[in-house]
Amino acid sequence: MPKVSVIITAYNCESTIKKCIDSVVDQTMNDYELIVVNDGSTDNTELEVLKYKEVLGSKLKYFYKDNTGVADTRNYGLEKATGEYIMYIDSDDYIDTELLAKQETNLNDSVDVIKFKMIQVEENGKEICKIDGPVFDAILGQDAFNKLYYQDILIDQPCIYLFRREYFKDNNFRFLAGTIHEDFGLIPIVIANAKTMISTNIYGYYYVQTPNSITRENSKEKIIKKTEDSFLHYDNMLKTIENQDLTTFTKENIRLYYTNSILLKIRDLPQDLKKHYLIEFKKRKMIKNIKIRNLKQFLKRILIAISPNLYFKLR
């Protein structure tokens, strides 16, 4: 069975890293390597990780680096990986102990991208909700993206995918260092370019929702940073897909996916900041990405063109 490199990005997570690591160590499929990249933590994260080193030996690779953010830390982990597949886990989350074993057939078939499902839970493990989405056998990546675009609310989270490492590295897929919402900038492109992708009905990733994480996600500073970086990711996306072997329909859907996501981020901005970002939206003529495929999209395009502020109020 192909080996999986499980990459944990860690920053000031002394209280959660143990449960995260345990969920990997307790996998019923034993052919994995665990890579923990400490992104310059200032608490006891390192001490907690090193407790496992004595037990796991070479099965655990631990690296400490200066704090440069999640995107760069994920790239760092990829460079250290040796498994046929890679997967990412955030240090305050954890995975089902049978996740890898349940993917054995897909791993043996060398599928480029394997998707599984997420469960949102409270800190005590109580389930909040399951994030559903389409299930399909191996298909071309751009066909998979088009399915996900229309039927899935969770596309750009790298933590719910297994990626064939050779495919990931050969295409020079990297998270854009120094940015927030780096997943948004990369994962749709990774999916669309895959030769094969599968979406399974396996719920394997537990996303821990805490009061602190909610506060961080909704802070004014983070929303502003996400919005600014989203425009940067949008600009990079346009350059990236220009010469890729994708159908016109797929490229339209990718542009529309980014456009809709940015509109949602602008909606969440404080009122005094909306104007600035709408200027950026108009400067890029992003309204042209909203294709007139149905009455709803037609009305949306007209409303944004006439009165963006009214559009956000109605949202």
Protein backbone atom coordinates (compact mmCIF):
# COMPACT_ATOMS: atom_id res chain seq x y z
CA MET A 1 0.00 0.00 0.00
CA PRO A 2 1.38 3.47 -0.83
CA LYS A 3 2.86 5.41 2.07
CA VAL A 4 1.08 8.60 3.14
CA SER A 5 2.98 11.64 4.43
CA VAL A 6 0.74 13.27 7.02
CA ILE A 7 1.82 16.91 7.43
CA ILE A 8 0.80 18.78 10.58
CA THR A 9 1.38 22.53 10.61
CA ALA A 10 1.86 23.63 14.21
CA TYR A 11 1.84 27.06 15.83
CA ASN A 12 1.29 27.67 19.56
CA CYS A 13 -0.84 24.57 19.88
CA GLU A 14 0.45 22.91 23.05
CA SER A 15 -3.11 22.22 24.23
CA THR A 16 -4.33 20.55 21.01
CA ILE A 17 -1.33 18.97 19.29
CA LYS A 18 -1.49 15.77 21.35
CA LYS A 19 -4.99 14.84 20.19
CA CYS A 20 -4.02 15.69 16.63
CA ILE A 21 -0.90 13.50 16.68
CA ASP A 22 -2.71 10.67 18.48
CA SER A 23 -5.29 10.52 15.68
CA VAL A 24 -2.44 9.82 13.25
CA VAL A 25 -0.48 7.45 15.48
CA ASP A 26 -3.64 5.41 16.11
CA GLN A 27 -4.37 4.86 12.41
CA THR A 28 -5.32 1.26 11.64
CA MET A 29 -3.25 1.59 8.46
CA ASN A 30 0.37 1.76 9.54
CA ASP A 31 2.10 2.78 6.31
CA TYR A 32 2.51 6.49 6.97
CA GLU A 33 5.11 9.02 8.02
CA LEU A 34 4.21 11.90 10.30
CA ILE A 35 5.74 15.29 9.58
CA VAL A 36 5.28 18.07 12.12
CA VAL A 37 6.46 21.53 11.09
CA ASN A 38 6.62 23.98 13.99
CA ASP A 39 6.08 27.47 12.60
CA GLY A 40 8.03 29.35 15.27
CA SER A 41 5.82 28.54 18.26
CA THR A 42 6.53 30.45 21.46
CA ASP A 43 4.73 28.04 23.82
CA ASN A 44 5.46 24.38 24.69
CA THR A 45 4.42 22.95 21.33
CA GLU A 46 7.92 21.60 20.69
CA LEU A 47 8.05 19.79 24.03
CA GLU A 48 4.73 18.09 23.34
CA VAL A 49 5.88 16.90 19.90
CA LEU A 50 9.26 15.64 21.10
CA LYS A 51 7.54 13.35 23.61
CA TYR A 52 6.41 11.30 20.61
CA LYS A 53 9.86 11.20 19.01
CA GLU A 54 11.15 8.68 21.53
CA VAL A 55 8.31 6.30 20.73
CA LEU A 56 7.92 6.80 16.97
CA GLY A 57 11.57 7.22 16.02
CA SER A 58 12.09 7.79 12.29
CA LYS A 59 8.34 7.54 11.67
CA LEU A 60 8.07 11.09 13.05
CA LYS A 61 9.92 13.91 11.32
CA TYR A 62 9.99 17.11 13.33
CA PHE A 63 11.13 20.49 12.03
CA TYR A 64 11.30 23.90 13.64
CA LYS A 65 11.34 27.05 11.49
CA ASP A 66 10.88 30.76 11.95
CA ASN A 67 7.29 31.96 11.90
CA THR A 68 6.26 32.65 8.28
CA GLY A 69 2.60 31.55 8.25
CA VAL A 70 0.57 28.51 7.29
CA ALA A 71 1.15 28.70 3.53
CA ASP A 72 4.93 28.61 3.76
CA THR A 73 4.76 25.97 6.49
CA ARG A 74 2.69 23.67 4.30
CA ASN A 75 5.18 24.11 1.46
CA TYR A 76 8.01 23.28 3.86
CA GLY A 77 6.28 20.06 4.90
CA LEU A 78 5.78 19.07 1.28
CA GLU A 79 9.51 19.39 0.60
CA LYS A 80 10.26 17.03 3.51
CA ALA A 81 7.66 14.42 2.51
CA THR A 82 8.67 11.09 0.98
CA GLY A 83 5.31 9.29 0.80
CA GLU A 84 3.45 8.54 -2.39
CA TYR A 85 0.60 10.66 -1.01
CA ILE A 86 0.41 13.74 1.17
CA MET A 87 -2.31 15.09 3.41
CA TYR A 88 -2.49 18.16 5.63
CA ILE A 89 -3.91 18.45 9.14
CA ASP A 90 -4.25 21.64 11.15
CA SER A 91 -2.88 21.16 14.64
CA ASP A 92 -6.13 21.90 16.47
CA ASP A 93 -8.06 19.31 14.42
CA TYR A 94 -7.84 15.53 14.15
CA ILE A 95 -8.76 12.64 11.85
CA ASP A 96 -10.68 9.38 12.14
CA THR A 97 -8.38 6.51 13.05
CA GLU A 98 -9.64 4.45 10.07
CA LEU A 99 -9.41 7.24 7.49
CA LEU A 100 -6.31 5.97 5.68
CA ALA A 101 -7.36 2.32 5.82
CA LYS A 102 -10.71 3.16 4.26
CA GLN A 103 -8.90 4.82 1.34
CA GLU A 104 -6.68 1.80 0.59
CA THR A 105 -8.30 0.96 -2.76
CA ASN A 106 -8.09 4.55 -4.02
CA LEU A 107 -4.49 4.88 -2.85
CA ASN A 108 -3.53 1.67 -4.64
CA ASP A 109 -5.14 2.98 -7.83
CA SER A 110 -2.80 6.03 -7.84
CA VAL A 111 -5.64 8.54 -8.07
CA ASP A 112 -4.26 12.10 -8.24
CA VAL A 113 -6.77 13.62 -5.79
CA ILE A 114 -8.95 11.81 -3.24
CA LYS A 115 -11.62 13.77 -1.38
CA PHE A 116 -13.29 12.80 1.89
CA LYS A 117 -15.71 14.61 4.17
CA MET A 118 -15.52 16.87 7.21
CA ILE A 119 -17.36 16.90 10.52
CA GLN A 120 -17.44 20.11 12.55
CA VAL A 121 -17.17 19.40 16.26
CA GLU A 122 -16.93 21.30 19.53
CA GLU A 123 -13.79 21.12 21.66
CA ASN A 124 -15.32 18.26 23.67
CA GLY A 125 -15.90 16.25 20.47
CA LYS A 126 -19.64 16.87 20.28
CA GLU A 127 -20.78 16.95 16.68
CA ILE A 128 -21.98 20.30 15.32
CA CYS A 129 -22.68 19.27 11.74
CA LYS A 130 -21.50 17.10 8.87
CA ILE A 131 -20.42 18.87 5.68
CA ASP A 132 -21.99 16.99 2.79
CA GLY A 133 -21.07 17.02 -0.88
CA PRO A 134 -21.20 14.95 -4.08
CA VAL A 135 -19.78 11.43 -4.23
CA PHE A 136 -18.29 10.11 -7.47
CA ASP A 137 -15.85 7.54 -8.82
CA ALA A 138 -12.66 8.42 -10.69
CA ILE A 139 -13.21 11.17 -13.25
CA LEU A 140 -11.15 13.86 -14.94
CA GLY A 141 -10.17 16.63 -12.54
CA GLN A 142 -11.93 19.44 -14.39
CA ASP A 143 -15.13 17.38 -14.48
CA ALA A 144 -14.71 16.89 -10.75
CA PHE A 145 -14.27 20.62 -10.18
CA ASN A 146 -17.43 21.36 -12.16
CA LYS A 147 -19.37 18.88 -10.02
CA LEU A 148 -17.99 20.32 -6.81
CA TYR A 149 -18.63 23.88 -7.95
CA TYR A 150 -22.34 23.22 -8.32
CA GLN A 151 -22.86 20.81 -5.41
CA ASP A 152 -20.24 21.36 -2.67
CA ILE A 153 -19.86 24.21 -0.19
CA LEU A 154 -16.37 23.08 0.81
CA ILE A 155 -13.96 22.96 -2.12
CA ASP A 156 -10.76 24.74 -1.19
CA GLN A 157 -9.90 23.12 2.18
CA PRO A 158 -6.71 21.07 1.66
CA CYS A 159 -7.36 19.10 4.86
CA ILE A 160 -10.11 17.01 3.25
CA TYR A 161 -7.96 15.69 0.41
CA LEU A 162 -5.23 13.17 -0.21
CA PHE A 163 -2.92 14.32 -2.99
CA ARG A 164 -0.56 12.12 -4.96
CA ARG A 165 2.76 13.73 -4.11
CA GLU A 166 4.33 13.25 -7.54
CA TYR A 167 1.37 14.98 -9.19
CA PHE A 168 1.50 17.82 -6.67
CA LYS A 169 5.25 18.39 -7.00
CA ASP A 170 5.58 17.83 -10.76
CA ASN A 171 3.05 20.58 -11.41
CA ASN A 172 4.86 22.89 -8.99
CA PHE A 173 1.74 23.41 -6.90
CA ARG A 174 2.62 25.60 -3.92
CA PHE A 175 0.67 27.70 -1.46
CA LEU A 176 1.37 31.40 -1.89
CA ALA A 177 3.62 32.31 1.04
CA GLY A 178 2.66 35.28 3.18
CA THR A 179 -1.02 35.15 2.27
CA ILE A 180 -4.19 34.33 4.17
CA HIS A 181 -6.79 32.08 2.54
CA GLU A 182 -3.94 30.39 0.68
CA ASP A 183 -6.19 27.33 0.17
CA PHE A 184 -8.55 29.44 -1.96
CA GLY A 185 -5.63 30.41 -4.16
CA LEU A 186 -4.45 26.87 -4.90
CA ILE A 187 -6.83 23.96 -4.32
CA PRO A 188 -9.33 24.71 -7.14
CA ILE A 189 -6.38 24.74 -9.58
CA VAL A 190 -5.03 21.46 -8.17
CA ILE A 191 -8.41 19.78 -8.58
CA ALA A 192 -9.09 21.07 -12.10
CA ASN A 193 -5.75 19.86 -13.47
CA ALA A 194 -5.87 16.33 -12.05
CA LYS A 195 -6.00 13.42 -14.45
CA THR A 196 -8.13 11.52 -11.96
CA MET A 197 -10.10 12.52 -8.89
CA ILE A 198 -12.45 10.63 -6.59
CA SER A 199 -14.89 12.01 -4.03
CA THR A 200 -15.75 9.50 -1.32
CA ASN A 201 -18.55 9.27 1.22
CA ILE A 202 -16.07 8.82 4.08
CA TYR A 203 -16.29 11.28 6.98
CA GLY A 204 -12.70 11.39 8.14
CA TYR A 205 -11.69 14.91 9.19
CA TYR A 206 -12.79 16.54 12.44
CA TYR A 207 -12.69 20.33 12.33
CA VAL A 208 -12.71 21.69 15.86
CA GLN A 209 -14.74 24.88 16.18
CA THR A 210 -13.76 26.91 19.25
CA PRO A 211 -14.86 30.34 20.51
CA ASN A 212 -11.32 31.60 19.86
CA SER A 213 -11.28 30.35 16.27
CA ILE A 214 -14.64 32.01 15.60
CA THR A 215 -13.29 35.30 16.96
CA ARG A 216 -10.16 35.08 14.84
CA GLU A 217 -12.10 34.27 11.68
CA ASN A 218 -14.45 37.22 12.17
CA SER A 219 -11.95 39.81 13.35
CA LYS A 220 -11.86 42.98 11.24
CA GLU A 221 -8.13 42.66 10.57
CA LYS A 222 -8.39 39.09 9.33
CA ILE A 223 -11.39 39.77 7.11
CA ILE A 224 -9.56 42.70 5.51
CA LYS A 225 -6.41 40.63 4.99
CA LYS A 226 -8.40 37.77 3.49
CA THR A 227 -10.12 40.14 1.09
CA GLU A 228 -6.86 41.73 -0.05
CA ASP A 229 -5.21 38.36 -0.52
CA SER A 230 -8.27 37.03 -2.33
CA PHE A 231 -7.75 39.63 -5.05
CA LEU A 232 -4.11 38.56 -5.24
CA HIS A 233 -5.15 34.91 -5.58
CA TYR A 234 -7.68 35.92 -8.24
CA ASP A 235 -5.01 37.70 -10.29
CA ASN A 236 -2.69 34.69 -10.00
CA MET A 237 -5.51 32.34 -10.98
CA LEU A 238 -6.13 34.25 -14.21
CA LYS A 239 -2.47 33.92 -15.20
CA THR A 240 -2.34 30.26 -14.17
CA ILE A 241 -5.36 28.95 -16.09
CA GLU A 242 -4.68 31.01 -19.21
CA ASN A 243 -2.45 28.38 -20.80
CA GLN A 244 -3.74 25.28 -19.05
CA ASP A 245 -5.47 22.52 -20.95
CA LEU A 246 -8.94 23.19 -19.54
CA THR A 247 -12.25 23.55 -21.35
CA THR A 248 -13.80 26.98 -21.75
CA PHE A 249 -16.66 25.86 -19.49
CA THR A 250 -14.24 24.85 -16.71
CA LYS A 251 -12.30 28.11 -16.94
CA GLU A 252 -15.57 30.02 -16.73
CA ASN A 253 -16.56 28.08 -13.62
CA ILE A 254 -13.19 28.66 -11.97
CA ARG A 255 -13.42 32.40 -12.60
CA LEU A 256 -17.00 32.41 -11.35
CA TYR A 257 -16.02 30.46 -8.22
CA TYR A 258 -13.37 33.03 -7.35
CA THR A 259 -15.69 35.92 -8.18
CA ASN A 260 -18.50 34.65 -5.96
CA SER A 261 -16.09 33.95 -3.11
CA ILE A 262 -14.69 37.48 -3.27
CA LEU A 263 -18.18 38.98 -3.34
CA LEU A 264 -18.96 37.08 -0.13
CA LYS A 265 -15.80 38.43 1.49
CA ILE A 266 -16.67 41.99 0.49
CA ARG A 267 -20.11 41.45 1.98
CA ASP A 268 -18.51 40.65 5.35
CA LEU A 269 -16.42 43.81 5.40
CA PRO A 270 -17.31 46.74 7.64
CA GLN A 271 -19.43 49.24 5.74
CA ASP A 272 -16.68 51.86 5.67
CA LEU A 273 -14.37 49.47 3.77
CA LYS A 274 -16.76 48.08 1.17
CA LYS A 275 -16.26 50.99 -1.22
CA HIS A 276 -12.50 50.45 -1.53
CA TYR A 277 -12.86 46.78 -2.35
CA LEU A 278 -15.72 47.33 -4.76
CA ILE A 279 -13.37 49.65 -6.65
CA GLU A 280 -10.88 46.74 -6.86
CA PHE A 281 -13.70 44.46 -8.02
CA LYS A 282 -14.76 46.89 -10.76
CA LYS A 283 -11.19 47.66 -11.79
CA ARG A 284 -10.72 44.00 -12.66
CA LYS A 285 -14.07 43.95 -14.52
CA MET A 286 -15.00 40.86 -12.53
CA ILE A 287 -18.68 41.30 -13.25
CA LYS A 288 -18.05 39.84 -16.70
CA ASN A 289 -17.31 36.49 -14.99
CA ILE A 290 -20.96 36.16 -13.94
CA LYS A 291 -22.26 34.18 -16.90
CA ILE A 292 -25.89 34.52 -17.85
CA ARG A 293 -26.93 30.87 -17.57
CA ASN A 294 -30.19 31.44 -15.70
CA LEU A 295 -32.48 34.19 -14.45
CA LYS A 296 -30.85 34.30 -11.02
CA GLN A 297 -27.40 34.98 -12.48
CA PHE A 298 -28.87 37.55 -14.85
CA LEU A 299 -30.49 39.46 -12.00
CA LYS A 300 -27.32 39.18 -9.93
CA ARG A 301 -25.19 40.67 -12.69
CA ILE A 302 -27.63 43.51 -13.28
CA LEU A 303 -27.93 44.33 -9.58
CA ILE A 304 -24.17 44.42 -9.01
CA ALA A 305 -23.72 46.64 -12.05
CA ILE A 306 -26.42 49.09 -10.96
CA SER A 307 -26.05 49.13 -7.18
CA PRO A 308 -23.47 46.95 -5.42
CA ASN A 309 -24.50 48.27 -2.01
CA LEU A 310 -28.10 47.21 -2.60
CA TYR A 311 -26.89 43.78 -3.70
CA PHE A 312 -25.05 43.29 -0.40
CA LYS A 313 -28.03 44.52 1.61
CA LEU A 314 -30.26 41.97 -0.10
CA ARG A 315 -27.73 39.26 0.65
